[in-house]
C-alpha atoms as a PDB file:
ATOM      1  CA  MET A   1     -69.936-112.041  11.010  1.00  0.00           C
ATOM      2  CA  THR A   2     -70.492-114.745   8.401  1.00  0.00           C
ATOM      3  CA  HIS A   3     -67.934-117.391   7.479  1.00  0.00           C
ATOM      4  CA  THR A   4     -67.626-115.950   3.949  1.00  0.00           C
ATOM      5  CA  LYS A   5     -66.898-112.420   5.219  1.00  0.00           C
ATOM      6  CA  ILE A   6     -64.258-113.708   7.604  1.00  0.00           C
ATOM      7  CA  VAL A   7     -62.557-115.623   4.776  1.00  0.00           C
ATOM      8  CA  LEU A   8     -62.544-112.570   2.488  1.00  0.00           C
ATOM      9  CA  LEU A   9     -61.217-110.266   5.208  1.00  0.00           C
ATOM     10  CA  ALA A  10     -58.399-112.677   6.039  1.00  0.00           C
ATOM     11  CA  ILE A  11     -57.366-113.038   2.390  1.00  0.00           C
ATOM     12  CA  ASN A  12     -57.707-109.400   1.339  1.00  0.00           C
ATOM     13  CA  ALA A  13     -55.658-108.243   4.324  1.00  0.00           C
ATOM     14  CA  ILE A  14     -52.581-109.980   2.935  1.00  0.00           C
ATOM     15  CA  HIS A  15     -53.137-109.897  -0.850  1.00  0.00           C
ATOM     16  CA  ASN A  16     -52.431-106.176  -1.241  1.00  0.00           C
ATOM     17  CA  PRO A  17     -50.556-105.404  -4.456  1.00  0.00           C
ATOM     18  CA  LEU A  18     -49.469-101.989  -3.137  1.00  0.00           C
ATOM     19  CA  MET A  19     -47.208-103.777  -0.642  1.00  0.00           C
ATOM     20  CA  LEU A  20     -45.381-105.921  -3.199  1.00  0.00           C
ATOM     21  CA  GLU A  21     -41.902-105.387  -4.619  1.00  0.00           C
ATOM     22  CA  THR A  22     -42.107-106.007  -8.376  1.00  0.00           C
ATOM     23  CA  ASP A  23     -40.611-109.173  -9.853  1.00  0.00           C
ATOM     24  CA  ASN A  24     -38.091-107.992 -12.473  1.00  0.00           C
ATOM     25  CA  ILE A  25     -35.612-110.847 -12.051  1.00  0.00           C
ATOM     26  CA  PHE A  26     -35.799-112.073 -15.646  1.00  0.00           C
ATOM     27  CA  LYS A  27     -36.678-108.738 -17.263  1.00  0.00           C
ATOM     28  CA  ARG A  28     -33.205-108.326 -18.798  1.00  0.00           C
ATOM     29  CA  LYS A  29     -31.183-110.953 -20.617  1.00  0.00           C
ATOM     30  CA  ARG A  30     -28.924-112.746 -18.141  1.00  0.00           C
ATOM     31  CA  THR A  31     -26.914-115.910 -17.636  1.00  0.00           C
ATOM     32  CA  ILE A  32     -29.499-118.472 -16.571  1.00  0.00           C
ATOM     33  CA  GLU A  33     -28.742-120.569 -13.528  1.00  0.00           C
ATOM     34  CA  PRO A  34     -31.047-123.175 -11.960  1.00  0.00           C
ATOM     35  CA  PHE A  35     -33.892-121.482 -10.096  1.00  0.00           C
ATOM     36  CA  SER A  36     -33.455-121.253  -6.332  1.00  0.00           C
ATOM     37  CA  PHE A  37     -35.262-119.516  -3.498  1.00  0.00           C
ATOM     38  CA  ASN A  38     -32.376-117.173  -2.770  1.00  0.00           C
ATOM     39  CA  GLN A  39     -32.418-113.580  -1.507  1.00  0.00           C
ATOM     40  CA  GLU A  40     -33.136-112.214  -4.994  1.00  0.00           C
ATOM     41  CA  VAL A  41     -36.261-114.363  -5.257  1.00  0.00           C
ATOM     42  CA  ALA A  42     -37.315-113.806  -1.641  1.00  0.00           C
ATOM     43  CA  ASP A  43     -37.304-110.033  -2.161  1.00  0.00           C
ATOM     44  CA  VAL A  44     -39.918-110.233  -4.944  1.00  0.00           C
ATOM     45  CA  PHE A  45     -41.603-113.553  -4.163  1.00  0.00           C
ATOM     46  CA  ASP A  46     -44.988-112.155  -3.137  1.00  0.00           C
ATOM     47  CA  ASP A  47     -45.348-110.338  -6.463  1.00  0.00           C
ATOM     48  CA  MET A  48     -43.958-113.338  -8.344  1.00  0.00           C
ATOM     49  CA  VAL A  49     -46.485-115.764  -6.922  1.00  0.00           C
ATOM     50  CA  GLU A  50     -49.414-113.352  -7.386  1.00  0.00           C
ATOM     51  CA  ARG A  51     -48.561-112.977 -11.085  1.00  0.00           C
ATOM     52  CA  SER A  52     -47.387-116.538 -11.770  1.00  0.00           C
ATOM     53  CA  VAL A  53     -49.781-118.815  -9.858  1.00  0.00           C
ATOM     54  CA  PRO A  54     -53.354-118.770 -11.179  1.00  0.00           C
ATOM     55  CA  PHE A  55     -56.174-118.495  -8.640  1.00  0.00           C
ATOM     56  CA  TYR A  56     -53.732-118.090  -5.769  1.00  0.00           C
ATOM     57  CA  LYS A  57     -56.403-116.352  -3.684  1.00  0.00           C
ATOM     58  CA  GLU A  58     -58.939-119.063  -4.486  1.00  0.00           C
ATOM     59  CA  ILE A  59     -56.626-121.762  -3.144  1.00  0.00           C
ATOM     60  CA  HIS A  60     -56.441-119.838   0.121  1.00  0.00           C
ATOM     61  CA  ARG A  61     -60.232-119.585   0.201  1.00  0.00           C
ATOM     62  CA  ILE A  62     -60.425-123.354  -0.201  1.00  0.00           C
ATOM     63  CA  ILE A  63     -57.940-123.864   2.637  1.00  0.00           C
ATOM     64  CA  LEU A  64     -59.913-121.572   4.956  1.00  0.00           C
ATOM     65  CA  ASP A  65     -63.212-123.223   4.018  1.00  0.00           C
ATOM     66  CA  ILE A  66     -61.778-126.612   4.988  1.00  0.00           C
ATOM     67  CA  LEU A  67     -60.177-125.203   8.126  1.00  0.00           C
ATOM     68  CA  GLY A  68     -63.529-123.762   9.166  1.00  0.00           C
ATOM     69  CA  LYS A  69     -65.046-127.251   9.011  1.00  0.00           C
ATOM     70  CA  SER A  70     -62.177-129.143  10.643  1.00  0.00           C
ATOM     71  CA  PHE A  71     -60.560-126.849  13.236  1.00  0.00           C
ATOM     72  CA  MET A  72     -60.401-128.082  16.812  1.00  0.00           C
ATOM     73  CA  PRO A  73     -58.904-126.232  19.818  1.00  0.00           C
ATOM     74  CA  GLY A  74     -55.279-127.176  20.379  1.00  0.00           C
ATOM     75  CA  ASP A  75     -54.724-127.959  16.716  1.00  0.00           C
ATOM     76  CA  LYS A  76     -51.209-127.879  15.296  1.00  0.00           C
ATOM     77  CA  ILE A  77     -51.158-126.801  11.659  1.00  0.00           C
ATOM     78  CA  TYR A  78     -48.159-127.323   9.366  1.00  0.00           C
ATOM     79  CA  ASP A  79     -47.333-125.159   6.358  1.00  0.00           C
ATOM     80  CA  LEU A  80     -44.584-127.116   4.604  1.00  0.00           C
ATOM     81  CA  GLY A  81     -42.737-124.791   2.267  1.00  0.00           C
ATOM     82  CA  CYS A  82     -44.123-121.697   3.973  1.00  0.00           C
ATOM     83  CA  SER A  83     -42.078-119.229   1.834  1.00  0.00           C
ATOM     84  CA  THR A  84     -42.806-115.643   2.969  1.00  0.00           C
ATOM     85  CA  GLY A  85     -45.635-116.554   5.329  1.00  0.00           C
ATOM     86  CA  THR A  86     -48.711-115.485   3.365  1.00  0.00           C
ATOM     87  CA  THR A  87     -50.587-118.688   4.170  1.00  0.00           C
ATOM     88  CA  ILE A  88     -49.603-118.546   7.856  1.00  0.00           C
ATOM     89  CA  LYS A  89     -50.862-114.960   8.097  1.00  0.00           C
ATOM     90  CA  ILE A  90     -54.183-115.862   6.497  1.00  0.00           C
ATOM     91  CA  LEU A  91     -54.651-118.947   8.695  1.00  0.00           C
ATOM     92  CA  HIS A  92     -53.828-116.987  11.846  1.00  0.00           C
ATOM     93  CA  ASP A  93     -56.232-114.138  11.112  1.00  0.00           C
ATOM     94  CA  PHE A  94     -59.037-116.531  10.230  1.00  0.00           C
ATOM     95  CA  ILE A  95     -58.680-118.609  13.406  1.00  0.00           C
ATOM     96  CA  LYS A  96     -58.367-115.544  15.639  1.00  0.00           C
ATOM     97  CA  GLU A  97     -61.551-114.091  14.146  1.00  0.00           C
ATOM     98  CA  ARG A  98     -63.599-117.275  13.893  1.00  0.00           C
ATOM     99  CA  PHE A  99     -62.392-119.082  17.019  1.00  0.00           C
ATOM    100  CA  PRO A 100     -61.377-116.392  19.546  1.00  0.00           C
ATOM    101  CA  GLU A 101     -59.726-117.607  22.733  1.00  0.00           C
ATOM    102  CA  LYS A 102     -59.028-121.038  21.230  1.00  0.00           C
ATOM    103  CA  TYR A 103     -55.422-122.211  21.349  1.00  0.00           C
ATOM    104  CA  PHE A 104     -53.648-123.306  18.158  1.00  0.00           C
ATOM    105  CA  GLU A 105     -50.135-123.377  16.728  1.00  0.00           C
ATOM    106  CA  ILE A 106     -49.006-122.890  13.138  1.00  0.00           C
ATOM    107  CA  VAL A 107     -45.618-124.341  12.203  1.00  0.00           C
ATOM    108  CA  GLY A 108     -43.914-123.004   9.084  1.00  0.00           C
ATOM    109  CA  VAL A 109     -41.092-125.008   7.523  1.00  0.00           C
ATOM    110  CA  ASP A 110     -38.843-123.935   4.643  1.00  0.00           C
ATOM    111  CA  ASN A 111     -35.283-124.753   3.610  1.00  0.00           C
ATOM    112  CA  SER A 112     -34.537-121.199   2.433  1.00  0.00           C
ATOM    113  CA  GLN A 113     -33.193-118.903   5.130  1.00  0.00           C
ATOM    114  CA  ALA A 114     -33.885-115.873   2.930  1.00  0.00           C
ATOM    115  CA  MET A 115     -37.552-116.827   2.578  1.00  0.00           C
ATOM    116  CA  LEU A 116     -37.898-117.515   6.307  1.00  0.00           C
ATOM    117  CA  LYS A 117     -36.437-114.096   7.155  1.00  0.00           C
ATOM    118  CA  LYS A 118     -39.082-112.480   4.942  1.00  0.00           C
ATOM    119  CA  CYS A 119     -41.676-114.723   6.568  1.00  0.00           C
ATOM    120  CA  GLN A 120     -40.694-113.776  10.098  1.00  0.00           C
ATOM    121  CA  ASP A 121     -40.593-110.066   9.261  1.00  0.00           C
ATOM    122  CA  LYS A 122     -44.055-110.237   7.683  1.00  0.00           C
ATOM    123  CA  LEU A 123     -45.604-112.146  10.577  1.00  0.00           C
ATOM    124  CA  LEU A 124     -44.115-109.897  13.247  1.00  0.00           C
ATOM    125  CA  LYS A 125     -45.106-106.763  11.345  1.00  0.00           C
ATOM    126  CA  ASN A 126     -48.679-108.031  11.144  1.00  0.00           C
ATOM    127  CA  LYS A 127     -48.745-109.066  14.826  1.00  0.00           C
ATOM    128  CA  VAL A 128     -49.183-112.742  14.047  1.00  0.00           C
ATOM    129  CA  SER A 129     -48.894-114.973  17.118  1.00  0.00           C
ATOM    130  CA  ASN A 130     -49.044-118.716  17.814  1.00  0.00           C
ATOM    131  CA  PHE A 131     -46.473-119.599  15.163  1.00  0.00           C
ATOM    132  CA  SER A 132     -43.007-121.125  14.973  1.00  0.00           C
ATOM    133  CA  LEU A 133     -40.613-121.341  12.028  1.00  0.00           C
ATOM    134  CA  SER A 134     -38.035-123.968  11.144  1.00  0.00           C
ATOM    135  CA  CYS A 135     -35.329-123.881   8.480  1.00  0.00           C
ATOM    136  CA  ALA A 136     -34.979-127.485   7.353  1.00  0.00           C
ATOM    137  CA  ASP A 137     -35.324-129.882   4.464  1.00  0.00           C
ATOM    138  CA  LEU A 138     -38.815-131.357   4.523  1.00  0.00           C
ATOM    139  CA  GLU A 139     -37.473-134.873   4.027  1.00  0.00           C
ATOM    140  CA  LYS A 140     -35.509-134.621   7.281  1.00  0.00           C
ATOM    141  CA  ILE A 141     -37.817-132.732   9.622  1.00  0.00           C
ATOM    142  CA  GLU A 142     -39.743-134.503  12.386  1.00  0.00           C
ATOM    143  CA  LEU A 143     -43.476-133.785  12.416  1.00  0.00           C
ATOM    144  CA  ALA A 144     -45.689-133.751  15.506  1.00  0.00           C
ATOM    145  CA  PRO A 145     -49.315-134.986  15.373  1.00  0.00           C
ATOM    146  CA  SER A 146     -51.448-132.549  13.378  1.00  0.00           C
ATOM    147  CA  ARG A 147     -54.992-132.170  12.058  1.00  0.00           C
ATOM    148  CA  LEU A 148     -54.065-130.030   9.050  1.00  0.00           C
ATOM    149  CA  THR A 149     -50.947-130.037   6.881  1.00  0.00           C
ATOM    150  CA  ILE A 150     -50.572-127.793   3.846  1.00  0.00           C
ATOM    151  CA  MET A 151     -48.115-127.914   0.954  1.00  0.00           C
ATOM    152  CA  ASN A 152     -48.632-125.107  -1.539  1.00  0.00           C
ATOM    153  CA  TYR A 153     -46.473-125.535  -4.669  1.00  0.00           C
ATOM    154  CA  THR A 154     -43.651-127.187  -2.710  1.00  0.00           C
ATOM    155  CA  LEU A 155     -43.674-130.905  -3.486  1.00  0.00           C
ATOM    156  CA  GLN A 156     -43.003-130.100  -7.157  1.00  0.00           C
ATOM    157  CA  PHE A 157     -39.505-128.890  -6.196  1.00  0.00           C
ATOM    158  CA  ILE A 158     -38.589-132.059  -4.290  1.00  0.00           C
ATOM    159  CA  ASN A 159     -36.756-134.934  -5.954  1.00  0.00           C
ATOM    160  CA  PRO A 160     -39.473-137.351  -7.195  1.00  0.00           C
ATOM    161  CA  ILE A 161     -37.607-140.269  -5.630  1.00  0.00           C
ATOM    162  CA  LYS A 162     -38.032-138.662  -2.184  1.00  0.00           C
ATOM    163  CA  ARG A 163     -41.694-137.735  -2.543  1.00  0.00           C
ATOM    164  CA  PRO A 164     -43.286-141.085  -1.533  1.00  0.00           C
ATOM    165  CA  GLU A 165     -41.438-141.196   1.800  1.00  0.00           C
ATOM    166  CA  LEU A 166     -42.308-137.559   2.566  1.00  0.00           C
ATOM    167  CA  LEU A 167     -45.993-138.086   1.783  1.00  0.00           C
ATOM    168  CA  ASN A 168     -46.011-141.202   3.953  1.00  0.00           C
ATOM    169  CA  LYS A 169     -44.494-139.206   6.819  1.00  0.00           C
ATOM    170  CA  ILE A 170     -47.179-136.550   6.438  1.00  0.00           C
ATOM    171  CA  TYR A 171     -49.889-139.212   6.483  1.00  0.00           C
ATOM    172  CA  ASN A 172     -48.467-140.982   9.526  1.00  0.00           C
ATOM    173  CA  ASN A 173     -48.304-137.748  11.526  1.00  0.00           C
ATOM    174  CA  LEU A 174     -51.866-136.668  10.799  1.00  0.00           C
ATOM    175  CA  ARG A 175     -54.425-137.419  13.470  1.00  0.00           C
ATOM    176  CA  PRO A 176     -57.375-139.645  12.449  1.00  0.00           C
ATOM    177  CA  GLY A 177     -59.654-137.505  10.311  1.00  0.00           C
ATOM    178  CA  GLY A 178     -56.776-135.101   9.674  1.00  0.00           C
ATOM    179  CA  VAL A 179     -56.546-133.253   6.367  1.00  0.00           C
ATOM    180  CA  PHE A 180     -53.718-132.796   3.878  1.00  0.00           C
ATOM    181  CA  ILE A 181     -54.059-130.051   1.244  1.00  0.00           C
ATOM    182  CA  LEU A 182     -51.592-130.200  -1.647  1.00  0.00           C
ATOM    183  CA  SER A 183     -51.370-127.612  -4.424  1.00  0.00           C
ATOM    184  CA  GLU A 184     -49.096-128.315  -7.387  1.00  0.00           C
ATOM    185  CA  LYS A 185     -48.236-127.501 -10.957  1.00  0.00           C
ATOM    186  CA  ILE A 186     -49.128-130.550 -13.031  1.00  0.00           C
ATOM    187  CA  LYS A 187     -48.573-132.047 -16.480  1.00  0.00           C
ATOM    188  CA  ALA A 188     -51.115-133.633 -18.789  1.00  0.00           C
ATOM    189  CA  GLU A 189     -51.026-137.304 -19.747  1.00  0.00           C
ATOM    190  CA  ASP A 190     -51.001-136.401 -23.441  1.00  0.00           C
ATOM    191  CA  ASN A 191     -47.963-134.416 -24.630  1.00  0.00           C
ATOM    192  CA  SER A 192     -49.876-132.362 -27.186  1.00  0.00           C
ATOM    193  CA  ILE A 193     -52.463-131.373 -24.580  1.00  0.00           C
ATOM    194  CA  ASP A 194     -49.671-130.575 -22.146  1.00  0.00           C
ATOM    195  CA  ASP A 195     -48.144-128.243 -24.736  1.00  0.00           C
ATOM    196  CA  LEU A 196     -51.524-126.535 -25.172  1.00  0.00           C
ATOM    197  CA  LEU A 197     -51.991-126.081 -21.415  1.00  0.00           C
ATOM    198  CA  THR A 198     -48.480-124.677 -21.152  1.00  0.00           C
ATOM    199  CA  ASP A 199     -49.230-122.154 -23.902  1.00  0.00           C
ATOM    200  CA  LEU A 200     -52.437-121.148 -22.116  1.00  0.00           C
ATOM    201  CA  TYR A 201     -50.493-120.724 -18.894  1.00  0.00           C
ATOM    202  CA  TYR A 202     -47.986-118.462 -20.633  1.00  0.00           C
ATOM    203  CA  ASP A 203     -50.926-116.397 -21.908  1.00  0.00           C
ATOM    204  CA  PHE A 204     -51.894-115.977 -18.251  1.00  0.00           C
ATOM    205  CA  LYS A 205     -48.395-114.738 -17.453  1.00  0.00           C
ATOM    206  CA  ARG A 206     -48.480-112.331 -20.402  1.00  0.00           C
ATOM    207  CA  ARG A 207     -51.762-110.893 -19.121  1.00  0.00           C
ATOM    208  CA  ASN A 208     -50.011-110.299 -15.806  1.00  0.00           C
ATOM    209  CA  GLY A 209     -47.270-108.247 -17.417  1.00  0.00           C
ATOM    210  CA  TYR A 210     -44.476-110.741 -18.047  1.00  0.00           C
ATOM    211  CA  SER A 211     -42.589-110.320 -21.331  1.00  0.00           C
ATOM    212  CA  GLU A 212     -41.571-113.065 -23.756  1.00  0.00           C
ATOM    213  CA  LEU A 213     -37.994-112.765 -22.490  1.00  0.00           C
ATOM    214  CA  GLU A 214     -39.088-113.126 -18.863  1.00  0.00           C
ATOM    215  CA  ILE A 215     -41.234-116.153 -19.645  1.00  0.00           C
ATOM    216  CA  ALA A 216     -38.478-117.853 -21.659  1.00  0.00           C
ATOM    217  CA  GLN A 217     -35.725-117.210 -19.105  1.00  0.00           C
ATOM    218  CA  LYS A 218     -37.883-118.289 -16.162  1.00  0.00           C
ATOM    219  CA  ARG A 219     -38.803-121.474 -18.039  1.00  0.00           C
ATOM    220  CA  GLU A 220     -35.107-122.222 -18.615  1.00  0.00           C
ATOM    221  CA  ALA A 221     -34.264-121.565 -14.965  1.00  0.00           C
ATOM    222  CA  LEU A 222     -36.993-123.949 -13.780  1.00  0.00           C
ATOM    223  CA  GLU A 223     -36.019-126.774 -16.120  1.00  0.00           C
ATOM    224  CA  ASN A 224     -35.067-129.863 -14.077  1.00  0.00           C
ATOM    225  CA  VAL A 225     -35.856-127.897 -10.882  1.00  0.00           C
ATOM    226  CA  LEU A 226     -39.656-127.841 -10.920  1.00  0.00           C
ATOM    227  CA  LEU A 227     -40.755-131.371 -11.859  1.00  0.00           C
ATOM    228  CA  PRO A 228     -44.542-131.727 -12.244  1.00  0.00           C
ATOM    229  CA  ILE A 229     -46.346-135.053 -12.558  1.00  0.00           C
ATOM    230  CA  THR A 230     -49.768-135.983 -13.881  1.00  0.00           C
ATOM    231  CA  PRO A 231     -52.878-135.843 -11.656  1.00  0.00           C
ATOM    232  CA  ASN A 232     -53.271-139.622 -11.920  1.00  0.00           C
ATOM    233  CA  ASN A 233     -49.698-140.141 -10.744  1.00  0.00           C
ATOM    234  CA  GLN A 234     -50.170-137.650  -7.916  1.00  0.00           C
ATOM    235  CA  ILE A 235     -53.340-139.341  -6.697  1.00  0.00           C
ATOM    236  CA  GLU A 236     -51.596-142.698  -6.861  1.00  0.00           C
ATOM    237  CA  LEU A 237     -48.728-141.347  -4.733  1.00  0.00           C
ATOM    238  CA  LEU A 238     -51.188-140.034  -2.153  1.00  0.00           C
ATOM    239  CA  LYS A 239     -52.957-143.391  -2.007  1.00  0.00           C
ATOM    240  CA  MET A 240     -49.658-145.234  -1.685  1.00  0.00           C
ATOM    241  CA  ALA A 241     -48.806-142.941   1.252  1.00  0.00           C
ATOM    242  CA  GLY A 242     -51.966-144.133   3.021  1.00  0.00           C
ATOM    243  CA  PHE A 243     -54.642-141.662   1.929  1.00  0.00           C
ATOM    244  CA  SER A 244     -57.576-143.866   0.923  1.00  0.00           C
ATOM    245  CA  ARG A 245     -59.772-140.766   0.560  1.00  0.00           C
ATOM    246  CA  VAL A 246     -58.324-138.444  -2.089  1.00  0.00           C
ATOM    247  CA  GLU A 247     -60.004-135.852  -4.297  1.00  0.00           C
ATOM    248  CA  VAL A 248     -59.053-133.083  -6.713  1.00  0.00           C
ATOM    249  CA  LEU A 249     -60.523-129.940  -5.161  1.00  0.00           C
ATOM    250  CA  PHE A 250     -59.590-127.497  -7.904  1.00  0.00           C
ATOM    251  CA  ARG A 251     -57.950-127.492 -11.316  1.00  0.00           C
ATOM    252  CA  TRP A 252     -57.020-124.776 -13.781  1.00  0.00           C
ATOM    253  CA  TYR A 253     -55.169-125.925 -16.899  1.00  0.00           C
ATOM    254  CA  ASN A 254     -51.815-127.152 -15.513  1.00  0.00           C
ATOM    255  CA  PHE A 255     -52.374-126.385 -11.809  1.00  0.00           C
ATOM    256  CA  ALA A 256     -54.319-128.474  -9.296  1.00  0.00           C
ATOM    257  CA  CYS A 257     -55.209-128.675  -5.608  1.00  0.00           C
ATOM    258  CA  TYR A 258     -55.742-132.054  -3.924  1.00  0.00           C
ATOM    259  CA  LEU A 259     -57.370-133.145  -0.683  1.00  0.00           C
ATOM    260  CA  GLY A 260     -56.280-136.183   1.292  1.00  0.00           C
ATOM    261  CA  VAL A 261     -58.122-137.274   4.447  1.00  0.00           C
ATOM    262  CA  LYS A 262     -56.729-139.752   6.951  1.00  0.00           C
END
């Protein structure tokens, strides 16, 4: 079986819209509180991310492409901010298919107990093995040596003051040649362009069935919770953490995926 077919099988096995509970959290007018990954969000998160994060499947294809080039037996892989375990499931299925009989371990970390419960249920239901889960703040957790660490749309929720130290910890715990993949919502350097990209992003959400009320209330809930930075600032942070080799792998309007190699 070719590498491409294995990647597609791994991704399509988990991205099945028939299995998703619909995100209706902001469908009716409500008192808006700061967004959090509570039980209400955990229950609909898979649908939310499918409809709110552009090219979500493509980011997973990129991760698997890189994993296929860099995997070594005995690897420990970190998914920091693992949410409901979609990425862990895809990584597991890919490695089991592409590298049968090779030992590996995937470690999922999240600070939301509700999300981790969904994650564990999903992984057990899909017979995923070789994984462990930890409920902890990323700034406090100890990391073991790893060849691949992934952060999908997680750093953006961490206090900007704490981000440099966390990125430095990730760098220090990567093995030589190890890879860090970071996906984030971003902001443009120019405010008028940033406004345009935001409008285009909301068009994307409208195409995926979100109403004006849902978009407005979600935006209010995320204010001062999700704090994006510019690509230049993000690359500078990665370089300050120790990554001398950094590249933007993918960008769509106000979303980007970065690669850092130790």
